Protein backbone atom coordinates (compact mmCIF):
# COMPACT_ATOMS: atom_id res chain seq x y z
CA UNK A 1 -26.55 28.34 28.12
CA UNK A 2 -22.87 28.78 27.29
CA UNK A 3 -22.24 31.56 29.84
CA UNK A 4 -23.93 29.47 32.55
CA UNK A 5 -21.80 26.46 31.68
CA UNK A 6 -18.68 28.60 31.84
CA UNK A 7 -19.69 30.06 35.20
CA UNK A 8 -20.05 26.54 36.61
CA UNK A 9 -17.39 24.74 34.61
CA UNK A 10 -14.42 27.10 35.00
CA UNK A 11 -14.51 27.22 38.83
CA UNK A 12 -15.05 23.46 38.91
CA UNK A 13 -12.03 22.93 36.67
CA UNK A 14 -9.90 25.24 38.82
CA UNK A 15 -11.01 23.33 41.92
CA UNK A 16 -10.07 20.02 40.32
CA UNK A 17 -6.65 21.28 39.25
CA UNK A 18 -5.98 22.76 42.68
CA UNK A 19 -6.85 19.45 44.37
CA UNK A 20 -5.72 16.95 41.76
CA UNK A 21 -3.41 15.16 44.21
CA UNK A 22 -6.44 14.18 46.31
CA UNK A 23 -8.53 12.81 43.45
CA UNK A 24 -9.34 9.07 43.46
CA UNK A 25 -6.30 7.01 42.40
CA UNK A 26 -4.16 10.16 42.04
CA UNK A 27 -1.52 8.93 44.50
CA UNK A 28 -1.47 5.50 42.86
CA UNK A 29 -1.11 7.06 39.41
CA UNK A 30 1.73 9.36 40.51
CA UNK A 31 3.57 6.44 42.14
CA UNK A 32 3.04 4.32 39.04
CA UNK A 33 4.38 6.98 36.70
CA UNK A 34 7.46 7.49 38.88
CA UNK A 35 8.05 3.75 39.08
CA UNK A 36 7.64 3.34 35.32
CA UNK A 37 10.25 6.04 34.71
CA UNK A 38 12.69 4.52 37.22
CA UNK A 39 12.33 1.02 35.80
CA UNK A 40 13.01 2.35 32.31
CA UNK A 41 16.14 4.16 33.50
CA UNK A 42 17.40 1.13 35.41
CA UNK A 43 16.93 -1.18 32.43
CA UNK A 44 18.79 1.27 30.21
CA UNK A 45 21.76 0.94 32.58
CA UNK A 46 21.45 -2.87 32.79
CA UNK A 47 20.50 -2.50 36.48
CA UNK A 48 23.88 -0.99 37.34
CA UNK A 49 23.38 0.98 40.58
CA UNK A 50 24.08 4.61 41.26
CA UNK A 51 26.64 5.33 44.06
CA UNK A 52 25.69 3.94 47.48
CA UNK A 53 25.39 7.38 49.07
CA UNK A 54 23.97 9.05 45.97
CA UNK A 55 21.22 11.61 46.52
CA UNK A 56 17.87 11.39 44.70
CA UNK A 57 15.41 14.27 44.61
CA UNK A 58 11.94 15.25 43.45
CA UNK A 59 10.37 18.68 43.03
CA UNK A 60 6.97 19.36 44.61
CA UNK A 61 4.54 22.21 45.17
CA UNK A 62 2.11 22.86 48.03
CA UNK A 63 -1.39 22.91 46.55
CA UNK A 64 -4.67 23.54 48.35
CA UNK A 65 -5.21 19.90 49.30
CA UNK A 66 -1.85 19.94 51.12
CA UNK A 67 -2.80 22.80 53.46
CA UNK A 68 -4.15 22.56 57.01
CA UNK A 69 -6.06 25.14 59.08
CA UNK A 70 -2.77 26.82 60.06
CA UNK A 71 -2.35 27.80 56.41
CA UNK A 72 0.81 25.81 55.74
CA UNK A 73 1.64 22.32 54.53
CA UNK A 74 -0.17 19.74 56.63
CA UNK A 75 2.13 17.67 58.84
CA UNK A 76 0.58 14.48 57.50
CA UNK A 77 1.61 15.31 53.94
CA UNK A 78 5.32 15.00 54.71
CA UNK A 79 5.23 11.27 55.25
CA UNK A 80 3.08 10.74 52.16
CA UNK A 81 5.57 12.64 50.02
CA UNK A 82 8.45 10.59 51.46
CA UNK A 83 7.05 7.53 49.69
CA UNK A 84 8.26 8.99 46.41
CA UNK A 85 11.75 9.50 47.83
CA UNK A 86 11.92 5.95 49.14
CA UNK A 87 10.74 4.50 45.81
CA UNK A 88 13.18 6.70 43.91
CA UNK A 89 16.20 5.69 45.98
CA UNK A 90 15.48 1.95 46.05
CA UNK A 91 15.06 1.70 42.29
CA UNK A 92 18.09 3.90 41.62
CA UNK A 93 20.68 2.76 44.17
CA UNK A 94 19.43 -0.84 44.65
CA UNK A 95 17.72 -1.69 41.35
CA UNK A 96 18.63 -5.38 41.16
CA UNK A 97 16.97 -6.40 44.39
CA UNK A 98 13.86 -4.41 43.45
CA UNK A 99 13.58 -5.60 39.85
CA UNK A 100 14.96 -9.15 39.69
CA UNK A 101 12.01 -11.29 40.87
CA UNK A 102 14.04 -14.43 41.65
CA UNK A 103 15.41 -12.78 44.80
CA UNK A 104 11.93 -12.69 46.39
CA UNK A 105 13.06 -9.81 48.60
CA UNK A 106 10.90 -6.86 49.54
CA UNK A 107 11.67 -3.64 51.42
CA UNK A 108 9.27 -2.66 54.21
CA UNK A 109 8.93 0.68 55.99
CA UNK A 110 9.15 0.19 59.78
CA UNK A 111 8.82 3.81 60.88
CA UNK A 112 9.61 7.47 60.23
CA UNK A 113 10.98 10.16 62.53
CA UNK A 114 10.19 13.74 61.45
CA UNK A 115 11.71 16.99 62.69
CA UNK A 116 10.03 20.21 61.53
CA UNK A 117 12.22 23.29 61.27
CA UNK A 118 10.32 25.77 59.08
CA UNK A 119 6.81 25.87 57.64
CA UNK A 120 6.19 25.38 53.93
CA UNK A 121 3.61 27.94 52.83
CA UNK A 122 0.76 27.53 50.32
CA UNK A 123 1.79 27.36 46.65
CA UNK A 124 5.47 27.15 47.69
CA UNK A 125 7.83 24.95 45.73
CA UNK A 126 10.14 22.58 47.58
CA UNK A 127 12.50 19.70 46.85
CA UNK A 128 12.72 16.40 48.72
CA UNK A 129 16.17 14.85 48.83
CA UNK A 130 16.83 11.27 49.96
CA UNK A 131 20.00 9.28 50.60
CA UNK A 132 21.18 6.22 52.53
CA UNK A 133 22.00 7.16 56.12
CA UNK A 134 23.21 4.04 57.96
CA UNK A 135 22.46 0.38 58.71
CA UNK A 136 23.20 -2.59 60.97
CA UNK A 137 22.51 -6.33 60.64
CA UNK A 138 18.77 -5.71 60.47
CA UNK A 139 17.76 -2.11 59.97
CA UNK A 140 18.35 0.09 56.93
CA UNK A 141 17.94 3.82 57.45
CA UNK A 142 17.30 6.55 54.89
CA UNK A 143 17.78 10.27 55.48
CA UNK A 144 15.47 12.88 53.92
CA UNK A 145 15.26 16.64 53.84
CA UNK A 146 12.69 19.11 52.50
CA UNK A 147 14.51 22.03 50.90
CA UNK A 148 12.99 25.40 49.98
CA UNK A 149 14.08 27.33 46.84
CA UNK A 150 16.39 29.58 48.91
CA UNK A 151 18.25 26.53 50.23
CA UNK A 152 16.58 26.51 53.65
CA UNK A 153 15.90 23.06 55.11
CA UNK A 154 12.26 23.05 56.20
CA UNK A 155 12.13 19.49 57.53
CA UNK A 156 14.48 16.60 58.32
CA UNK A 157 13.33 12.96 58.41
CA UNK A 158 14.74 9.47 58.71
CA UNK A 159 13.01 6.27 57.59
CA UNK A 160 13.68 2.89 59.22
CA UNK A 161 13.40 0.10 56.64
CA UNK A 162 13.97 -3.64 56.62
CA UNK A 163 14.54 -6.15 53.82
CA UNK A 164 12.64 -9.44 54.05
CA UNK A 165 12.13 -12.48 51.90
CA UNK A 166 8.58 -13.61 51.19
CA UNK A 167 9.17 -16.27 53.85
CA UNK A 168 9.60 -13.52 56.44
CA UNK A 169 13.36 -13.97 56.84
CA UNK A 170 15.27 -10.71 57.36
CA UNK A 171 18.13 -10.02 54.94
CA UNK A 172 21.00 -7.82 56.27
CA UNK A 173 21.44 -4.59 54.28
CA UNK A 174 25.10 -5.42 53.52
CA UNK A 175 23.96 -8.53 51.63
CA UNK A 176 21.53 -6.37 49.66
CA UNK A 177 24.29 -3.91 48.76
CA UNK A 178 26.58 -6.67 47.53
CA UNK A 179 23.76 -8.32 45.59
CA UNK A 180 23.18 -4.99 43.83
CA UNK A 181 26.85 -4.68 42.87
CA UNK A 182 28.16 -2.19 45.44
CA UNK A 183 31.82 -2.45 46.46
CA UNK A 184 32.06 -1.97 50.24
CA UNK A 185 35.85 -2.29 50.51
CA UNK A 186 36.43 1.47 50.88
CA UNK A 187 37.06 2.11 54.63
CA UNK A 188 35.25 5.44 54.40
CA UNK A 189 31.95 3.57 53.87
CA UNK A 190 32.17 1.79 57.24
CA UNK A 191 33.42 4.99 58.90
CA UNK A 192 30.38 6.88 57.63
CA UNK A 193 28.00 4.07 58.57
CA UNK A 194 29.39 3.86 62.09
CA UNK A 195 29.31 7.61 62.69
CA UNK A 196 25.67 7.88 61.55
CA UNK A 197 24.75 4.75 63.51
CA UNK A 198 25.64 6.52 66.75
CA UNK A 199 22.51 8.64 66.19
CA UNK A 200 20.34 5.92 64.69
CA UNK A 201 21.04 3.59 67.60
CA UNK A 202 19.35 6.07 69.91
CA UNK A 203 16.26 6.09 67.69
CA UNK A 204 16.06 2.30 67.92
CA UNK A 205 15.20 2.79 71.60
CA UNK A 206 11.83 4.13 70.47
CA UNK A 207 10.85 0.50 69.91
CA UNK A 208 10.38 0.38 73.69
CA UNK A 209 7.04 2.10 73.08
CA UNK A 210 5.66 -1.31 72.14
CA UNK A 211 6.20 -2.34 75.77
CA UNK A 212 4.52 0.68 77.38
CA UNK A 213 3.95 -0.14 81.09
CA UNK A 214 0.86 2.07 81.23
CA UNK A 215 -1.99 0.24 79.45
CA UNK A 216 -4.40 1.89 77.04
CA UNK A 217 -7.21 -0.04 78.68
CA UNK A 218 -7.42 2.52 81.48
CA UNK A 219 -10.77 4.20 82.02
CA UNK A 220 -11.46 6.74 79.27
CA UNK A 221 -12.73 9.88 81.01
CA UNK A 222 -12.60 12.27 78.07
CA UNK A 223 -15.46 12.59 75.56
CA UNK A 224 -15.15 10.58 72.37
CA UNK A 225 -15.08 12.66 69.17
CA UNK A 226 -16.81 11.65 65.95
CA UNK A 227 -15.20 12.79 62.70
């Protein structure tokens, strides 16, 4: 009986370990553990923020549940992993707005632009780095990169975020920064914001997709696929 149990149990255990990130509630548990750690760190510093353009990072590894049929990290996994970077930065650089409930302000993700440069192969290790990129009166942009152990950047991304009260009112990012204790008097901050905004402003034009002149109600002539 024991050998039979081992024959069945060991492969099953290996399969579970190789796919643990896809198990029920695994993503929620990983997010919760990260958040718990960040909250503890922030409280230890009395919610004093890290530098405005500080870089946060997390180490990851491509397991079997991350791989697509091209035998590299699935494109869909990149955006999922970015959640950890966004959580990490918000609770590190802007802890007061995230942790003081009286503000009633929440940060919402409004979109992600992803540029792939190099594949990330199975079982490869990589690091995701995140920092504040730029902002205007409404939008707050983060910059991300996926870095391989040799220093190669495999992927570049930007996230478009917005801060809103529970009433739905938009709060300008500058007000969030000041609320969190950041000093914006250094001219280099505005210089950096403005220079990066020249690129981000072009990405804002993608919002025109919501007013596509060619309707999706046109006759569907291709066969429908069932998954």
